[in-house]
Amino acid sequence: MPDTTYLVAAVLISAAVTWTLRALPFAALAPLRASGTVQYLSTRMPAGIMVILVVYCLRDLPLTHARVAAPLAALTVTVGLHLWRRNALLSILGGTAVHVALASTVFAH
């Protein structure tokens, strides 16, 4: 069994490495916060990422099957709730509930 000095040194080194790895992104990003490019991207990226996720999720959807109605209805409810209430949590929960309800009842295999 290792001696106490070795164990204390190992714990201290591990803690220092962990702290450094967690602090490094904040230290690296601090100078970028004033950048015009970063400010522009911070306003445009959320919508762009959501579009990419929607396209990725719906890309293999078989448009010739009746099952396509469940994800499209859920997407419609999600977008509608978000435009109506501007509440991301409500939109996500509402769309998920519609999809789960339709997929498990109406369009169950």
N, C-alpha and C. Protein backbone atom coordinates (compact mmCIF):
# COMPACT_ATOMS: atom_id res chain seq x y z
N MET A 1 0.85 -1.17 0.00
CA MET A 1 0.00 0.00 0.00
C MET A 1 0.90 1.24 0.00
N PRO A 2 0.55 2.26 -0.84
CA PRO A 2 1.37 3.47 -0.90
C PRO A 2 1.33 4.22 0.43
N ASP A 3 2.37 4.98 0.67
CA ASP A 3 2.42 5.74 1.92
C ASP A 3 1.54 6.99 1.82
N THR A 4 1.33 7.63 2.94
CA THR A 4 0.42 8.77 3.04
C THR A 4 0.88 9.95 2.19
N THR A 5 2.16 10.20 2.15
CA THR A 5 2.69 11.31 1.36
C THR A 5 2.37 11.13 -0.12
N TYR A 6 2.53 9.93 -0.62
CA TYR A 6 2.23 9.63 -2.02
C TYR A 6 0.74 9.86 -2.30
N LEU A 7 -0.13 9.39 -1.42
CA LEU A 7 -1.57 9.55 -1.62
C LEU A 7 -1.99 11.02 -1.58
N VAL A 8 -1.45 11.79 -0.65
CA VAL A 8 -1.76 13.22 -0.57
C VAL A 8 -1.28 13.94 -1.82
N ALA A 9 -0.08 13.61 -2.28
CA ALA A 9 0.45 14.23 -3.50
C ALA A 9 -0.41 13.87 -4.70
N ALA A 10 -0.85 12.63 -4.79
CA ALA A 10 -1.70 12.21 -5.91
C ALA A 10 -3.04 12.95 -5.90
N VAL A 11 -3.62 13.09 -4.73
CA VAL A 11 -4.90 13.81 -4.62
C VAL A 11 -4.72 15.28 -4.98
N LEU A 12 -3.67 15.91 -4.48
CA LEU A 12 -3.42 17.33 -4.78
C LEU A 12 -3.16 17.56 -6.26
N ILE A 13 -2.39 16.68 -6.88
CA ILE A 13 -2.12 16.81 -8.32
C ILE A 13 -3.40 16.62 -9.12
N SER A 14 -4.20 15.62 -8.75
CA SER A 14 -5.47 15.38 -9.44
C SER A 14 -6.40 16.58 -9.29
N ALA A 15 -6.46 17.15 -8.10
CA ALA A 15 -7.32 18.31 -7.87
C ALA A 15 -6.83 19.51 -8.68
N ALA A 16 -5.53 19.71 -8.74
CA ALA A 16 -4.98 20.83 -9.51
C ALA A 16 -5.27 20.68 -11.00
N VAL A 17 -5.09 19.48 -11.52
CA VAL A 17 -5.37 19.24 -12.94
C VAL A 17 -6.85 19.43 -13.24
N THR A 18 -7.71 18.90 -12.39
CA THR A 18 -9.15 19.05 -12.59
C THR A 18 -9.57 20.51 -12.55
N TRP A 19 -9.07 21.26 -11.56
CA TRP A 19 -9.41 22.67 -11.44
C TRP A 19 -8.92 23.44 -12.66
N THR A 20 -7.72 23.15 -13.12
CA THR A 20 -7.17 23.84 -14.29
C THR A 20 -7.99 23.54 -15.53
N LEU A 21 -8.35 22.29 -15.73
CA LEU A 21 -9.13 21.94 -16.92
C LEU A 21 -10.52 22.56 -16.89
N ARG A 22 -11.07 22.73 -15.72
CA ARG A 22 -12.40 23.37 -15.64
C ARG A 22 -12.31 24.88 -15.77
N ALA A 23 -11.23 25.49 -15.33
CA ALA A 23 -11.09 26.95 -15.39
C ALA A 23 -10.58 27.43 -16.75
N LEU A 24 -9.88 26.57 -17.47
CA LEU A 24 -9.26 26.96 -18.73
C LEU A 24 -10.25 27.52 -19.76
N PRO A 25 -11.41 26.91 -19.99
CA PRO A 25 -12.34 27.50 -20.97
C PRO A 25 -12.79 28.91 -20.60
N PHE A 26 -13.02 29.15 -19.31
CA PHE A 26 -13.45 30.49 -18.89
C PHE A 26 -12.33 31.51 -19.10
N ALA A 27 -11.12 31.12 -18.81
CA ALA A 27 -9.98 32.03 -18.99
C ALA A 27 -9.73 32.29 -20.48
N ALA A 28 -9.91 31.28 -21.31
CA ALA A 28 -9.67 31.44 -22.74
C ALA A 28 -10.78 32.27 -23.41
N LEU A 29 -12.00 32.15 -22.91
CA LEU A 29 -13.12 32.86 -23.53
C LEU A 29 -13.29 34.29 -23.03
N ALA A 30 -12.68 34.63 -21.93
CA ALA A 30 -12.85 35.98 -21.37
C ALA A 30 -12.48 37.08 -22.37
N PRO A 31 -11.34 36.99 -23.08
CA PRO A 31 -11.04 38.06 -24.04
C PRO A 31 -11.97 38.07 -25.26
N LEU A 32 -12.60 36.95 -25.56
CA LEU A 32 -13.47 36.88 -26.73
C LEU A 32 -14.84 37.50 -26.51
N ARG A 33 -15.23 37.72 -25.27
CA ARG A 33 -16.57 38.23 -24.99
C ARG A 33 -16.83 39.60 -25.62
N ALA A 34 -15.80 40.40 -25.79
CA ALA A 34 -15.96 41.73 -26.39
C ALA A 34 -15.90 41.69 -27.91
N SER A 35 -15.63 40.54 -28.49
CA SER A 35 -15.50 40.42 -29.94
C SER A 35 -16.86 40.58 -30.63
N GLY A 36 -16.87 41.33 -31.69
CA GLY A 36 -18.11 41.51 -32.46
C GLY A 36 -18.57 40.23 -33.11
N THR A 37 -17.64 39.42 -33.56
CA THR A 37 -17.99 38.15 -34.19
C THR A 37 -18.66 37.22 -33.20
N VAL A 38 -18.13 37.12 -32.01
CA VAL A 38 -18.71 36.25 -30.98
C VAL A 38 -20.10 36.75 -30.58
N GLN A 39 -20.28 38.06 -30.48
CA GLN A 39 -21.59 38.60 -30.14
C GLN A 39 -22.60 38.31 -31.25
N TYR A 40 -22.17 38.42 -32.50
CA TYR A 40 -23.05 38.10 -33.63
C TYR A 40 -23.46 36.63 -33.60
N LEU A 41 -22.46 35.76 -33.39
CA LEU A 41 -22.75 34.32 -33.36
C LEU A 41 -23.65 33.95 -32.18
N SER A 42 -23.51 34.63 -31.07
CA SER A 42 -24.33 34.31 -29.90
C SER A 42 -25.81 34.60 -30.14
N THR A 43 -26.10 35.53 -31.05
CA THR A 43 -27.50 35.82 -31.36
C THR A 43 -28.04 34.94 -32.48
N ARG A 44 -27.18 34.46 -33.37
CA ARG A 44 -27.63 33.68 -34.52
C ARG A 44 -27.54 32.17 -34.35
N MET A 45 -26.64 31.69 -33.53
CA MET A 45 -26.40 30.25 -33.43
C MET A 45 -27.57 29.46 -32.84
N PRO A 46 -28.28 29.93 -31.81
CA PRO A 46 -29.36 29.10 -31.28
C PRO A 46 -30.39 28.70 -32.33
N ALA A 47 -30.82 29.64 -33.16
CA ALA A 47 -31.79 29.31 -34.21
C ALA A 47 -31.17 28.38 -35.24
N GLY A 48 -29.93 28.63 -35.60
CA GLY A 48 -29.26 27.76 -36.57
C GLY A 48 -29.09 26.35 -36.06
N ILE A 49 -28.76 26.21 -34.81
CA ILE A 49 -28.61 24.87 -34.24
C ILE A 49 -29.95 24.15 -34.19
N MET A 50 -31.01 24.87 -33.86
CA MET A 50 -32.33 24.23 -33.84
C MET A 50 -32.75 23.77 -35.23
N VAL A 51 -32.46 24.55 -36.25
CA VAL A 51 -32.78 24.14 -37.62
C VAL A 51 -31.99 22.89 -37.99
N ILE A 52 -30.72 22.85 -37.64
CA ILE A 52 -29.90 21.67 -37.93
C ILE A 52 -30.46 20.45 -37.21
N LEU A 53 -30.86 20.59 -35.95
CA LEU A 53 -31.41 19.46 -35.20
C LEU A 53 -32.73 18.97 -35.80
N VAL A 54 -33.60 19.88 -36.22
CA VAL A 54 -34.87 19.48 -36.83
C VAL A 54 -34.61 18.74 -38.13
N VAL A 55 -33.73 19.26 -38.96
CA VAL A 55 -33.42 18.59 -40.23
C VAL A 55 -32.81 17.21 -39.97
N TYR A 56 -31.93 17.12 -39.00
CA TYR A 56 -31.29 15.84 -38.67
C TYR A 56 -32.33 14.83 -38.18
N CYS A 57 -33.25 15.28 -37.34
CA CYS A 57 -34.25 14.36 -36.79
C CYS A 57 -35.27 13.91 -37.83
N LEU A 58 -35.58 14.76 -38.78
CA LEU A 58 -36.62 14.44 -39.76
C LEU A 58 -36.07 13.94 -41.09
N ARG A 59 -34.76 13.83 -41.24
CA ARG A 59 -34.17 13.51 -42.55
C ARG A 59 -34.55 12.12 -43.06
N ASP A 60 -34.73 11.15 -42.20
CA ASP A 60 -35.07 9.80 -42.63
C ASP A 60 -36.55 9.47 -42.45
N LEU A 61 -37.37 10.48 -42.30
CA LEU A 61 -38.79 10.26 -42.08
C LEU A 61 -39.45 9.77 -43.37
N PRO A 62 -40.07 8.61 -43.33
CA PRO A 62 -40.71 8.09 -44.54
C PRO A 62 -42.02 8.84 -44.84
N LEU A 63 -42.01 9.68 -45.84
CA LEU A 63 -43.16 10.53 -46.12
C LEU A 63 -44.34 9.77 -46.71
N THR A 64 -44.14 8.51 -47.09
CA THR A 64 -45.23 7.73 -47.69
C THR A 64 -46.01 6.93 -46.65
N HIS A 65 -45.57 6.90 -45.41
CA HIS A 65 -46.26 6.15 -44.36
C HIS A 65 -47.15 7.06 -43.55
N ALA A 66 -48.20 6.48 -42.97
CA ALA A 66 -49.11 7.25 -42.12
C ALA A 66 -48.43 7.65 -40.81
N ARG A 67 -47.39 6.90 -40.42
CA ARG A 67 -46.67 7.20 -39.17
C ARG A 67 -46.01 8.57 -39.19
N VAL A 68 -45.84 9.14 -40.35
CA VAL A 68 -45.18 10.45 -40.46
C VAL A 68 -45.98 11.54 -39.75
N ALA A 69 -47.26 11.29 -39.50
CA ALA A 69 -48.11 12.30 -38.87
C ALA A 69 -47.70 12.59 -37.43
N ALA A 70 -47.22 11.59 -36.70
CA ALA A 70 -46.86 11.81 -35.29
C ALA A 70 -45.71 12.81 -35.14
N PRO A 71 -44.55 12.61 -35.81
CA PRO A 71 -43.49 13.60 -35.64
C PRO A 71 -43.85 14.97 -36.22
N LEU A 72 -44.58 14.99 -37.33
CA LEU A 72 -44.95 16.28 -37.91
C LEU A 72 -45.96 17.01 -37.04
N ALA A 73 -46.89 16.28 -36.42
CA ALA A 73 -47.83 16.91 -35.49
C ALA A 73 -47.09 17.44 -34.27
N ALA A 74 -46.14 16.66 -33.77
CA ALA A 74 -45.35 17.11 -32.62
C ALA A 74 -44.54 18.35 -32.97
N LEU A 75 -43.95 18.37 -34.16
CA LEU A 75 -43.19 19.54 -34.59
C LEU A 75 -44.11 20.76 -34.71
N THR A 76 -45.29 20.57 -35.27
CA THR A 76 -46.25 21.67 -35.41
C THR A 76 -46.67 22.20 -34.04
N VAL A 77 -46.94 21.29 -33.10
CA VAL A 77 -47.33 21.72 -31.75
C VAL A 77 -46.18 22.46 -31.07
N THR A 78 -44.95 21.94 -31.23
CA THR A 78 -43.79 22.58 -30.62
C THR A 78 -43.60 24.00 -31.15
N VAL A 79 -43.64 24.15 -32.46
CA VAL A 79 -43.46 25.48 -33.07
C VAL A 79 -44.62 26.40 -32.69
N GLY A 80 -45.83 25.86 -32.74
CA GLY A 80 -47.00 26.67 -32.39
C GLY A 80 -46.97 27.14 -30.95
N LEU A 81 -46.66 26.25 -30.02
CA LEU A 81 -46.57 26.64 -28.62
C LEU A 81 -45.47 27.68 -28.40
N HIS A 82 -44.36 27.50 -29.09
CA HIS A 82 -43.27 28.44 -28.89
C HIS A 82 -43.62 29.83 -29.46
N LEU A 83 -44.25 29.86 -30.61
CA LEU A 83 -44.65 31.15 -31.17
C LEU A 83 -45.73 31.81 -30.32
N TRP A 84 -46.59 31.01 -29.72
CA TRP A 84 -47.69 31.53 -28.93
C TRP A 84 -47.24 32.02 -27.56
N ARG A 85 -46.46 31.17 -26.83
CA ARG A 85 -46.10 31.49 -25.45
C ARG A 85 -44.65 31.93 -25.25
N ARG A 86 -43.79 31.70 -26.23
CA ARG A 86 -42.36 32.05 -26.11
C ARG A 86 -41.72 31.41 -24.87
N ASN A 87 -42.07 30.15 -24.62
CA ASN A 87 -41.56 29.43 -23.46
C ASN A 87 -40.98 28.11 -23.96
N ALA A 88 -39.65 28.00 -23.94
CA ALA A 88 -38.99 26.82 -24.49
C ALA A 88 -39.40 25.55 -23.76
N LEU A 89 -39.50 25.60 -22.45
CA LEU A 89 -39.86 24.41 -21.69
C LEU A 89 -41.26 23.93 -22.04
N LEU A 90 -42.20 24.85 -22.12
CA LEU A 90 -43.56 24.50 -22.50
C LEU A 90 -43.60 23.91 -23.92
N SER A 91 -42.85 24.50 -24.83
CA SER A 91 -42.82 24.03 -26.21
C SER A 91 -42.28 22.61 -26.30
N ILE A 92 -41.16 22.37 -25.62
CA ILE A 92 -40.53 21.05 -25.66
C ILE A 92 -41.43 20.00 -25.01
N LEU A 93 -41.97 20.32 -23.84
CA LEU A 93 -42.84 19.35 -23.16
C LEU A 93 -44.12 19.10 -23.95
N GLY A 94 -44.71 20.14 -24.52
CA GLY A 94 -45.93 19.96 -25.30
C GLY A 94 -45.70 19.11 -26.54
N GLY A 95 -44.64 19.40 -27.28
CA GLY A 95 -44.32 18.62 -28.47
C GLY A 95 -43.99 17.18 -28.15
N THR A 96 -43.24 16.98 -27.06
CA THR A 96 -42.90 15.62 -26.65
C THR A 96 -44.15 14.85 -26.24
N ALA A 97 -45.04 15.51 -25.49
CA ALA A 97 -46.28 14.84 -25.07
C ALA A 97 -47.13 14.43 -26.26
N VAL A 98 -47.25 15.31 -27.24
CA VAL A 98 -48.04 14.99 -28.44
C VAL A 98 -47.41 13.82 -29.19
N HIS A 99 -46.10 13.84 -29.35
CA HIS A 99 -45.44 12.76 -30.07
C HIS A 99 -45.59 11.43 -29.34
N VAL A 100 -45.38 11.43 -28.05
CA VAL A 100 -45.49 10.18 -27.29
C VAL A 100 -46.93 9.67 -27.32
N ALA A 101 -47.90 10.56 -27.17
CA ALA A 101 -49.29 10.14 -27.19
C ALA A 101 -49.68 9.55 -28.54
N LEU A 102 -49.29 10.22 -29.62
CA LEU A 102 -49.64 9.71 -30.95
C LEU A 102 -48.88 8.44 -31.29
N ALA A 103 -47.61 8.39 -30.97
CA ALA A 103 -46.80 7.21 -31.31
C ALA A 103 -47.21 5.99 -30.51
N SER A 104 -47.70 6.18 -29.29
CA SER A 104 -48.04 5.02 -28.48
C SER A 104 -49.51 4.61 -28.58
N THR A 105 -50.36 5.45 -29.17
CA THR A 105 -51.76 5.09 -29.28
C THR A 105 -52.20 4.96 -30.74
N VAL A 106 -52.25 6.07 -31.42
CA VAL A 106 -52.78 6.10 -32.79
C VAL A 106 -51.88 5.36 -33.77
N PHE A 107 -50.57 5.59 -33.69
CA PHE A 107 -49.65 5.03 -34.67
C PHE A 107 -48.81 3.89 -34.11
N ALA A 108 -49.29 3.20 -33.08
CA ALA A 108 -48.55 2.07 -32.52
C ALA A 108 -48.53 0.93 -33.54
N HIS A 109 -47.45 0.21 -33.53
CA HIS A 109 -47.29 -0.89 -34.49
C HIS A 109 -48.21 -2.03 -34.15
